Amino acid sequence: MRVLITGLGRRRSRTLSGGLAALGFDVLDAADVTGAGPLRRLPDVVLLECGIVDREVLAFCRRLRTELQAPIIAVTHRVDMGAWLRGHDNGIDDYVVQPFGLQELAARLRLAVAPPRPPLTPGPPRRIVAGPLVVAEDSRTVTVNGQRVALRPKEYQLLVVLARQAGTVLARDQLIARLWPAGWDGAERSLEVHIASLRSKLALPGMIATVRGVGYRLVTPESFLRLSSEAVRQLREEAAGRERTVVAA
């Protein structure tokens, strides 16, 4: 597996390069975020030290995304939900928070390029329809109202798991055990980030419901249509109320 290490200080870069090489990784070094330059050998995964997720790092991730689709794992001192979402929206797939062990890092690198696991419910690829949402598993495409929605691999995997059991509440622990490495402290936050990202990209309010204290549920087509009707009714009532206020004034 080829790993591009970029944005790291010399001492850490040498330490990680030597350690990962000893574990069988083919390490490609780049000097820093701003000077990574054109990639002569395409990596399977990118390891990016960013300290904090700032504009320079996000710009680098966006540029990198134009050259390759390899997963990007950011090494950082800390990460909050806002930084996680900003990084995710700009191409960062995962985070490793310092301090960390070399074996843990190696496991995360291998997981990043591993093929997706089978869905929670077995069976051949399906075409799942939930209201305006269509998930075509054979072509790995997602459309909303006929318009294709571009999802990252983990987002797609999460949506398939939810869609295959539409109407069923899936516990957070169940989703984490299926889609994230065992024992990783950041899995719960990563799940929240991917749920938030899915909701934003699908732009279907109410389609992915939060069941407080339990987990998440993709609503059935009938439930979604009911929610949509209620949302329309509420908007009409609010509009009527504003009109009455204007007339009274």
Protein backbone atom coordinates (compact mmCIF):
# COMPACT_ATOMS: atom_id res chain seq x y z
CA MET A 1 0.00 0.00 0.00
CA ARG A 2 1.38 3.43 -0.99
CA VAL A 3 1.06 6.14 1.69
CA LEU A 4 1.75 9.79 0.94
CA ILE A 5 2.95 11.59 4.09
CA THR A 6 2.67 15.36 3.81
CA GLY A 7 2.62 18.37 6.07
CA LEU A 8 4.74 16.70 8.77
CA GLY A 9 7.80 18.09 10.47
CA ARG A 10 11.11 16.42 9.51
CA ARG A 11 11.59 14.47 12.73
CA ARG A 12 8.04 13.08 12.82
CA SER A 13 8.08 12.48 9.08
CA ARG A 14 11.23 10.36 9.38
CA THR A 15 9.81 8.53 12.39
CA LEU A 16 6.51 7.73 10.70
CA SER A 17 8.14 6.95 7.37
CA GLY A 18 10.54 4.46 8.96
CA GLY A 19 7.88 2.92 11.18
CA LEU A 20 5.33 2.49 8.38
CA ALA A 21 7.98 1.19 5.99
CA ALA A 22 8.96 -1.43 8.55
CA LEU A 23 5.31 -2.53 8.62
CA GLY A 24 5.30 -3.02 4.86
CA PHE A 25 3.95 0.30 3.62
CA ASP A 26 5.41 2.02 0.54
CA VAL A 27 5.92 5.54 1.88
CA LEU A 28 5.89 8.60 -0.38
CA ASP A 29 7.14 11.77 1.32
CA ALA A 30 6.13 15.35 0.51
CA ALA A 31 7.80 18.32 2.16
CA ASP A 32 4.81 20.26 3.45
CA VAL A 33 1.25 21.26 2.69
CA THR A 34 2.09 24.17 0.41
CA GLY A 35 4.96 22.44 -1.38
CA ALA A 36 3.61 18.97 -2.00
CA GLY A 37 3.75 19.61 -5.74
CA PRO A 38 2.48 17.36 -8.53
CA LEU A 39 2.14 13.73 -7.54
CA ARG A 40 4.35 11.49 -9.65
CA ARG A 41 3.18 8.28 -8.00
CA LEU A 42 -0.43 8.08 -6.94
CA PRO A 43 -0.86 7.01 -3.31
CA ASP A 44 -3.53 4.68 -2.00
CA VAL A 45 -4.00 6.87 1.07
CA VAL A 46 -2.78 10.29 2.22
CA LEU A 47 -1.56 11.02 5.75
CA LEU A 48 -1.77 14.76 6.40
CA GLU A 49 -0.54 16.56 9.51
CA CYS A 50 -2.52 19.73 9.99
CA GLY A 51 -2.33 20.57 13.70
CA ILE A 52 -5.54 22.50 13.26
CA VAL A 53 -7.89 22.52 10.29
CA ASP A 54 -7.16 25.95 8.84
CA ARG A 55 -7.80 27.53 5.44
CA GLU A 56 -4.41 26.50 4.07
CA VAL A 57 -5.03 22.86 4.89
CA LEU A 58 -8.56 22.93 3.46
CA ALA A 59 -7.30 24.56 0.24
CA PHE A 60 -4.65 21.84 -0.05
CA CYS A 61 -7.27 19.12 0.42
CA ARG A 62 -9.47 20.63 -2.27
CA ARG A 63 -6.54 20.76 -4.67
CA LEU A 64 -5.55 17.21 -3.81
CA ARG A 65 -9.07 16.04 -4.57
CA THR A 66 -8.66 17.29 -8.15
CA GLU A 67 -5.66 14.95 -8.58
CA LEU A 68 -6.78 11.78 -6.83
CA GLN A 69 -9.58 10.11 -4.90
CA ALA A 70 -7.40 8.45 -2.26
CA PRO A 71 -8.69 8.74 1.32
CA ILE A 72 -7.13 11.56 3.34
CA ILE A 73 -6.40 10.94 7.02
CA ALA A 74 -5.53 14.06 8.99
CA VAL A 75 -3.18 13.94 11.98
CA THR A 76 -4.18 16.62 14.46
CA HIS A 77 -3.71 17.63 18.08
CA ARG A 78 -7.45 18.04 18.59
CA VAL A 79 -10.63 18.26 16.54
CA ASP A 80 -14.07 19.56 17.45
CA MET A 81 -17.31 18.99 15.57
CA GLY A 82 -17.03 22.22 13.56
CA ALA A 83 -13.50 21.45 12.41
CA TRP A 84 -14.50 17.87 11.63
CA LEU A 85 -17.37 19.02 9.43
CA ARG A 86 -15.25 21.61 7.62
CA GLY A 87 -12.56 19.04 6.97
CA HIS A 88 -15.07 16.45 5.83
CA ASP A 89 -16.67 18.92 3.41
CA ASN A 90 -13.26 19.68 1.91
CA GLY A 91 -11.99 16.13 1.44
CA ILE A 92 -10.72 14.81 4.78
CA ASP A 93 -12.03 11.29 5.37
CA ASP A 94 -10.77 10.56 8.86
CA TYR A 95 -8.74 11.95 11.76
CA VAL A 96 -6.04 10.55 13.98
CA VAL A 97 -5.68 12.55 17.19
CA GLN A 98 -2.27 12.69 18.84
CA PRO A 99 -0.90 10.87 20.73
CA PHE A 100 -1.38 7.60 18.88
CA GLY A 101 0.45 4.31 18.45
CA LEU A 102 2.02 3.15 15.20
CA GLN A 103 -0.04 -0.04 15.15
CA GLU A 104 -3.24 1.96 15.57
CA LEU A 105 -2.23 4.25 12.71
CA ALA A 106 -1.40 1.28 10.49
CA ALA A 107 -4.79 -0.27 11.22
CA ARG A 108 -6.55 2.98 10.34
CA LEU A 109 -4.61 3.26 7.07
CA ARG A 110 -5.54 -0.28 6.06
CA LEU A 111 -9.15 0.31 7.03
CA ALA A 112 -9.30 3.46 4.88
CA VAL A 113 -8.63 1.48 1.70
CA ALA A 114 -10.43 -1.73 2.67
CA PRO A 115 -13.46 -2.68 0.55
CA PRO A 116 -16.81 -1.93 2.19
CA ARG A 117 -18.29 -4.63 4.38
CA PRO A 118 -21.48 -6.36 3.33
CA PRO A 119 -24.66 -4.61 4.51
CA LEU A 120 -26.29 -5.55 7.79
CA THR A 121 -28.95 -7.47 5.90
CA PRO A 122 -27.58 -9.91 3.30
CA GLY A 123 -28.81 -10.22 -0.25
CA PRO A 124 -28.10 -9.11 -3.82
CA PRO A 125 -27.74 -5.43 -4.78
CA ARG A 126 -31.04 -3.61 -4.62
CA ARG A 127 -32.75 -0.53 -5.97
CA ILE A 128 -34.12 1.09 -2.84
CA VAL A 129 -36.79 3.75 -3.22
CA ALA A 130 -37.84 5.93 -0.29
CA GLY A 131 -39.98 8.79 -1.53
CA PRO A 132 -37.78 11.00 -3.74
CA LEU A 133 -34.64 9.12 -2.66
CA VAL A 134 -33.36 6.27 -4.84
CA VAL A 135 -30.32 4.16 -3.93
CA ALA A 136 -29.12 1.93 -6.77
CA GLU A 137 -26.68 -0.52 -5.21
CA ASP A 138 -25.61 -2.15 -8.48
CA SER A 139 -24.24 1.15 -9.81
CA ARG A 140 -23.53 2.65 -6.35
CA THR A 141 -25.50 5.77 -7.26
CA VAL A 142 -27.87 7.90 -5.23
CA THR A 143 -30.47 10.26 -6.68
CA VAL A 144 -32.96 12.68 -5.15
CA ASN A 145 -35.85 13.75 -7.35
CA GLY A 146 -33.94 12.33 -10.30
CA GLN A 147 -30.79 14.36 -9.59
CA ARG A 148 -27.61 12.46 -8.77
CA VAL A 149 -26.08 13.13 -5.35
CA ALA A 150 -22.32 12.69 -4.98
CA LEU A 151 -21.47 10.86 -1.75
CA ARG A 152 -18.17 9.88 -0.19
CA PRO A 153 -17.62 6.13 0.33
CA LYS A 154 -18.44 6.14 4.04
CA GLU A 155 -21.52 8.30 3.47
CA TYR A 156 -22.74 5.87 0.84
CA GLN A 157 -22.12 2.84 3.05
CA LEU A 158 -24.02 4.47 5.92
CA LEU A 159 -26.94 5.36 3.66
CA VAL A 160 -27.15 1.81 2.29
CA VAL A 161 -27.26 0.36 5.81
CA LEU A 162 -30.05 2.77 6.77
CA ALA A 163 -31.95 2.36 3.50
CA ARG A 164 -31.89 -1.44 3.59
CA GLN A 165 -33.78 -1.27 6.86
CA ALA A 166 -35.91 1.79 6.21
CA GLY A 167 -38.39 2.31 8.99
CA THR A 168 -36.24 0.41 11.51
CA VAL A 169 -34.32 2.20 14.24
CA LEU A 170 -30.64 1.28 14.07
CA ALA A 171 -28.72 1.81 17.29
CA ARG A 172 -25.63 4.01 17.23
CA ASP A 173 -23.52 1.16 18.59
CA GLN A 174 -24.82 -1.12 15.84
CA LEU A 175 -23.87 1.35 13.10
CA ILE A 176 -20.47 2.03 14.64
CA ALA A 177 -19.68 -1.68 14.98
CA ARG A 178 -20.52 -2.16 11.33
CA LEU A 179 -18.76 0.79 9.75
CA TRP A 180 -15.92 1.86 12.06
CA PRO A 181 -12.92 0.10 13.63
CA ALA A 182 -13.40 -1.50 17.02
CA GLY A 183 -12.12 0.47 19.97
CA TRP A 184 -11.76 3.80 18.14
CA ASP A 185 -12.72 6.68 20.43
CA GLY A 186 -13.64 8.95 17.51
CA ALA A 187 -16.25 6.63 15.98
CA GLU A 188 -19.25 8.22 17.68
CA ARG A 189 -18.29 11.71 16.53
CA SER A 190 -17.50 10.41 13.04
CA LEU A 191 -20.98 8.87 12.86
CA GLU A 192 -22.53 12.22 13.82
CA VAL A 193 -20.47 13.99 11.16
CA HIS A 194 -21.49 11.55 8.44
CA ILE A 195 -25.16 11.74 9.44
CA ALA A 196 -24.99 15.55 9.30
CA SER A 197 -23.22 15.42 5.94
CA LEU A 198 -25.79 12.98 4.53
CA ARG A 199 -28.67 15.19 5.66
CA SER A 200 -27.04 18.22 4.06
CA LYS A 201 -26.33 16.50 0.74
CA LEU A 202 -29.70 14.76 0.45
CA ALA A 203 -31.52 17.98 1.38
CA LEU A 204 -34.57 15.99 2.49
CA PRO A 205 -35.56 17.28 5.95
CA GLY A 206 -36.92 14.50 8.10
CA MET A 207 -35.66 11.67 5.87
CA ILE A 208 -33.00 10.58 8.38
CA ALA A 209 -34.62 10.78 11.80
CA THR A 210 -32.78 10.86 15.11
CA VAL A 211 -34.27 8.61 17.78
CA ARG A 212 -33.05 10.29 20.95
CA GLY A 213 -30.89 8.06 23.12
CA VAL A 214 -30.98 5.20 20.61
CA GLY A 215 -29.82 5.89 17.07
CA TYR A 216 -31.12 6.76 13.61
CA ARG A 217 -33.87 5.69 11.26
CA LEU A 218 -34.45 6.24 7.55
CA VAL A 219 -38.16 6.91 7.32
CA THR A 220 -40.36 4.82 5.04
CA PRO A 221 -41.82 6.45 1.89
CA GLU A 222 -45.23 6.73 3.56
CA SER A 223 -43.77 8.37 6.65
CA PHE A 224 -41.68 10.76 4.54
CA LEU A 225 -44.68 11.82 2.48
CA ARG A 226 -46.58 12.45 5.71
CA LEU A 227 -43.70 14.49 7.09
CA SER A 228 -43.46 16.43 3.82
CA SER A 229 -47.20 17.19 3.91
CA GLU A 230 -46.94 18.38 7.51
CA ALA A 231 -43.94 20.56 6.62
CA VAL A 232 -45.86 22.14 3.72
CA ARG A 233 -48.87 22.76 5.95
CA GLN A 234 -46.66 24.38 8.59
CA LEU A 235 -45.01 26.64 5.99
CA ARG A 236 -48.41 27.67 4.66
CA GLU A 237 -49.64 28.46 8.18
CA GLU A 238 -46.51 30.52 8.87
CA ALA A 239 -46.95 32.40 5.58
CA ALA A 240 -50.61 33.06 6.37
CA GLY A 241 -49.65 34.33 9.81
CA ARG A 242 -47.12 36.75 8.29
CA GLU A 243 -49.78 38.01 5.84
CA ARG A 244 -52.23 38.63 8.70
CA THR A 245 -49.51 40.53 10.59
CA VAL A 246 -48.82 42.74 7.57
CA VAL A 247 -52.53 43.46 7.04
CA ALA A 248 -53.01 44.30 10.73
CA ALA A 249 -50.07 46.68 10.59
